[in-house]
Amino acid sequence: MLDTFALAAALTFVAPPSPVTVACSPDRVPADPDAYRELWDAGQTFDQFLEDAERRRELWLENWATSEGVDPVQVERARAAGSGWKVLAVAIDGCSDSVNTVPYLGRLASLVEGIDLRVVDSDDGRWIMEDNRTPDGRPATPTFVLLGPEFEKRGCFIERPAPLQTTLIANPDGLEDRSLYEWKMAWYDEDEGVSTVQEFVAILEAAARGETVCG
């Protein structure tokens, strides 16, 4: 079996788009804010979710600790985007993408007074996943929906950062290969949440400008 370095050489790398490129479709009827509000009220805080996490627990705790190093520039940009923002995350503890993204956005929310984050599981949040699919058409965890003060949808971040997502989508034949999984996890380890935070902050800034953007 290829090691992760040999696999990296074999992958088809595609230049990723800019962090935020896909505008939410104007043809889709937005979900009723009351539906988001109901799900939000039933959700867990990140601290509650982390306490209950069983699968991949060691990595959840490790990434939460690593997230203490979140870029202060990104924190200040998020603070400048104003207040009243809510992040509804559809995630499960056994998901390799959730464990590598949710802790970093949980940390950002803990550092920015204007952002609150709640987590719901993939059963309760299935309709959110269905409404906000990956570029190759999958409902996936994690899916993060950015909500405004009245629980209106203002943006979303889906599954993975763009540089990782574009490479994996370009290599569909290898997605079940153990080596590709190991390469993905090594990418996350090296990135340390930087791409996730940068892309989410860009989505947040777009919302503050009155744009609704998903990516």
Protein backbone atom coordinates (compact mmCIF):
# COMPACT_ATOMS: atom_id res chain seq x y z
CA MET A 1 0.00 0.00 0.00
CA LEU A 2 1.26 3.48 -0.80
CA ASP A 3 2.50 5.55 2.09
CA THR A 4 1.07 9.02 2.51
CA PHE A 5 3.97 10.70 0.69
CA ALA A 6 3.73 8.39 -2.31
CA LEU A 7 -0.01 8.87 -2.36
CA ALA A 8 0.37 12.65 -2.32
CA ALA A 9 2.55 12.38 -5.42
CA ALA A 10 -0.11 10.25 -7.14
CA LEU A 11 -3.08 12.47 -6.35
CA THR A 12 -4.55 14.84 -8.90
CA PHE A 13 -4.19 18.21 -7.27
CA VAL A 14 -6.64 20.85 -8.40
CA ALA A 15 -6.06 24.49 -7.65
CA PRO A 16 -8.77 25.33 -5.11
CA PRO A 17 -11.12 28.22 -5.62
CA SER A 18 -10.87 31.23 -3.38
CA PRO A 19 -12.11 30.38 0.13
CA VAL A 20 -15.67 31.56 -0.56
CA THR A 21 -16.92 31.14 -4.10
CA VAL A 22 -20.32 29.46 -4.21
CA ALA A 23 -23.26 31.75 -3.69
CA CYS A 24 -26.30 30.09 -2.19
CA SER A 25 -28.79 29.41 -4.96
CA PRO A 26 -31.39 32.16 -5.36
CA ASP A 27 -33.80 29.51 -6.68
CA ARG A 28 -33.87 27.57 -3.40
CA VAL A 29 -36.60 28.57 -0.95
CA PRO A 30 -34.88 29.44 2.33
CA ALA A 31 -35.81 27.37 5.35
CA ASP A 32 -38.19 29.03 7.75
CA PRO A 33 -36.21 30.80 10.49
CA ASP A 34 -38.50 29.12 13.01
CA ALA A 35 -37.16 25.73 11.87
CA TYR A 36 -33.62 26.91 12.56
CA ARG A 37 -34.70 28.39 15.89
CA GLU A 38 -36.31 25.11 16.98
CA LEU A 39 -33.20 23.13 16.08
CA TRP A 40 -30.97 25.69 17.75
CA ASP A 41 -32.94 25.47 20.99
CA ALA A 42 -32.51 21.67 20.98
CA GLY A 43 -28.77 21.83 20.23
CA GLN A 44 -25.78 21.43 22.53
CA THR A 45 -23.13 23.98 23.28
CA PHE A 46 -19.70 22.92 22.11
CA ASP A 47 -18.65 22.27 25.71
CA GLN A 48 -21.60 19.91 26.16
CA PHE A 49 -20.89 18.17 22.87
CA LEU A 50 -17.20 17.75 23.74
CA GLU A 51 -18.05 16.34 27.16
CA ASP A 52 -20.37 13.75 25.57
CA ALA A 53 -18.09 12.81 22.66
CA GLU A 54 -17.05 9.15 22.81
CA ARG A 55 -15.77 8.19 19.36
CA ARG A 56 -12.44 9.82 18.43
CA ARG A 57 -12.44 11.37 21.88
CA GLU A 58 -8.67 11.70 22.11
CA LEU A 59 -8.55 13.61 18.82
CA TRP A 60 -11.44 15.85 19.85
CA LEU A 61 -9.53 16.82 22.98
CA GLU A 62 -6.24 17.18 21.09
CA ASN A 63 -7.74 19.47 18.45
CA TRP A 64 -9.56 21.51 21.06
CA ALA A 65 -6.22 22.08 22.80
CA THR A 66 -4.52 22.91 19.48
CA SER A 67 -7.26 25.44 18.72
CA GLU A 68 -5.89 27.66 21.47
CA GLY A 69 -3.43 28.81 18.82
CA VAL A 70 -6.12 30.24 16.53
CA ASP A 71 -4.80 33.21 14.56
CA PRO A 72 -5.60 36.42 16.49
CA VAL A 73 -5.94 38.25 13.18
CA GLN A 74 -8.87 36.00 12.30
CA VAL A 75 -10.37 36.56 15.74
CA GLU A 76 -10.24 40.33 15.26
CA ARG A 77 -11.76 40.04 11.79
CA ALA A 78 -14.61 37.98 13.26
CA ARG A 79 -15.16 40.54 16.02
CA ALA A 80 -15.32 43.31 13.43
CA ALA A 81 -18.19 41.50 11.69
CA GLY A 82 -20.59 42.53 14.44
CA SER A 83 -22.77 40.62 16.85
CA GLY A 84 -25.84 38.42 16.98
CA TRP A 85 -24.36 35.65 14.83
CA LYS A 86 -25.28 32.02 15.48
CA VAL A 87 -23.50 28.98 14.07
CA LEU A 88 -25.56 25.79 13.87
CA ALA A 89 -23.24 22.82 13.34
CA VAL A 90 -24.51 19.43 12.18
CA ALA A 91 -21.82 17.04 13.39
CA ILE A 92 -21.18 13.62 14.89
CA ASP A 93 -18.32 12.57 17.11
CA GLY A 94 -17.22 9.70 14.86
CA CYS A 95 -16.81 11.88 11.75
CA SER A 96 -13.20 12.50 10.72
CA ASP A 97 -14.07 15.86 9.17
CA SER A 98 -16.15 16.99 12.14
CA VAL A 99 -13.34 16.30 14.61
CA ASN A 100 -10.96 18.37 12.49
CA THR A 101 -13.20 21.41 11.99
CA VAL A 102 -15.74 21.79 14.81
CA PRO A 103 -13.17 22.36 17.60
CA TYR A 104 -11.61 25.27 15.72
CA LEU A 105 -14.91 27.02 15.04
CA GLY A 106 -15.94 26.23 18.60
CA ARG A 107 -12.79 28.01 19.77
CA LEU A 108 -13.47 30.99 17.49
CA ALA A 109 -16.98 31.29 18.92
CA SER A 110 -15.60 31.15 22.46
CA LEU A 111 -13.28 34.08 21.69
CA VAL A 112 -15.78 36.27 19.84
CA GLU A 113 -18.63 37.67 21.89
CA GLY A 114 -20.75 38.20 18.78
CA ILE A 115 -20.78 34.49 17.81
CA ASP A 116 -22.59 31.62 19.51
CA LEU A 117 -22.31 27.99 18.37
CA ARG A 118 -24.55 24.99 18.92
CA VAL A 119 -24.23 21.41 17.69
CA VAL A 120 -26.96 19.01 16.55
CA ASP A 121 -26.58 15.45 15.31
CA SER A 122 -27.06 14.21 11.77
CA ASP A 123 -30.52 12.80 12.51
CA ASP A 124 -32.03 16.06 13.73
CA GLY A 125 -29.99 18.09 11.25
CA ARG A 126 -30.54 15.89 8.22
CA TRP A 127 -32.64 18.46 6.41
CA ILE A 128 -29.85 21.02 6.79
CA MET A 129 -27.38 18.59 5.22
CA GLU A 130 -29.81 17.89 2.39
CA ASP A 131 -30.31 21.62 1.76
CA ASN A 132 -26.57 22.37 1.80
CA ARG A 133 -24.77 19.65 -0.14
CA THR A 134 -21.11 19.31 -0.97
CA PRO A 135 -19.89 20.39 -4.45
CA ASP A 136 -20.22 16.76 -5.60
CA GLY A 137 -23.80 16.50 -4.34
CA ARG A 138 -23.53 14.75 -0.97
CA PRO A 139 -25.24 15.61 2.31
CA ALA A 140 -22.34 15.55 4.75
CA THR A 141 -21.14 16.15 8.25
CA PRO A 142 -20.11 18.60 9.33
CA THR A 143 -22.38 21.24 7.86
CA PHE A 144 -22.26 24.66 9.48
CA VAL A 145 -25.05 27.16 8.89
CA LEU A 146 -24.46 30.79 9.79
CA LEU A 147 -27.63 32.40 11.14
CA GLY A 148 -28.44 36.03 11.76
CA PRO A 149 -30.09 37.54 14.85
CA GLU A 150 -33.57 36.44 13.71
CA PHE A 151 -32.37 32.92 12.79
CA GLU A 152 -32.33 33.72 9.10
CA LYS A 153 -29.72 31.83 7.07
CA ARG A 154 -26.77 34.01 6.15
CA GLY A 155 -24.20 31.52 4.88
CA CYS A 156 -22.75 28.04 5.29
CA PHE A 157 -19.49 26.09 5.46
CA ILE A 158 -19.77 22.53 4.21
CA GLU A 159 -17.69 19.55 5.31
CA ARG A 160 -14.07 20.54 4.54
CA PRO A 161 -11.83 23.50 3.66
CA ALA A 162 -11.67 24.17 -0.09
CA PRO A 163 -8.05 23.06 -0.70
CA LEU A 164 -8.76 19.65 0.81
CA GLN A 165 -12.23 19.29 -0.68
CA THR A 166 -11.15 20.02 -4.25
CA THR A 167 -8.32 17.48 -4.09
CA LEU A 168 -10.52 14.73 -2.67
CA ILE A 169 -13.30 15.36 -5.19
CA ALA A 170 -10.73 15.21 -7.99
CA ASN A 171 -9.73 11.71 -6.84
CA PRO A 172 -13.07 9.87 -6.49
CA ASP A 173 -11.59 6.45 -7.26
CA GLY A 174 -9.37 6.62 -4.21
CA LEU A 175 -11.80 7.89 -1.61
CA GLU A 176 -12.16 4.47 0.02
CA ASP A 177 -8.42 3.81 0.05
CA ARG A 178 -6.92 3.72 3.52
CA SER A 179 -3.86 5.62 2.34
CA LEU A 180 -6.03 8.47 1.06
CA TYR A 181 -7.73 8.64 4.43
CA GLU A 182 -4.34 8.80 6.12
CA TRP A 183 -3.26 11.54 3.71
CA LYS A 184 -6.41 13.52 4.56
CA MET A 185 -5.78 13.23 8.28
CA ALA A 186 -2.15 14.27 7.79
CA TRP A 187 -3.38 17.33 5.86
CA TYR A 188 -5.63 18.27 8.76
CA ASP A 189 -2.79 17.76 11.24
CA GLU A 190 -0.51 20.09 9.32
CA ASP A 191 -3.20 22.71 8.72
CA GLU A 192 -4.25 22.88 12.41
CA GLY A 193 -7.61 24.43 11.60
CA VAL A 194 -6.13 27.46 9.83
CA SER A 195 -8.05 26.94 6.57
CA THR A 196 -11.33 26.19 8.35
CA VAL A 197 -11.16 29.38 10.41
CA GLN A 198 -10.08 31.53 7.46
CA GLU A 199 -12.88 30.28 5.23
CA PHE A 200 -15.51 30.66 7.93
CA VAL A 201 -14.39 34.20 8.76
CA ALA A 202 -14.66 35.09 5.06
CA ILE A 203 -18.24 33.75 5.07
CA LEU A 204 -18.97 35.78 8.20
CA GLU A 205 -17.56 38.95 6.65
CA ALA A 206 -19.65 38.38 3.54
CA ALA A 207 -22.77 38.09 5.73
CA ALA A 208 -21.87 41.33 7.49
CA ARG A 209 -21.81 42.96 4.04
CA GLY A 210 -25.31 41.66 3.34
CA GLU A 211 -24.25 38.69 1.18
CA THR A 212 -25.33 35.08 1.73
CA VAL A 213 -22.50 32.83 0.67
CA CYS A 214 -21.80 29.11 1.05
CA GLY A 215 -18.62 27.20 0.50
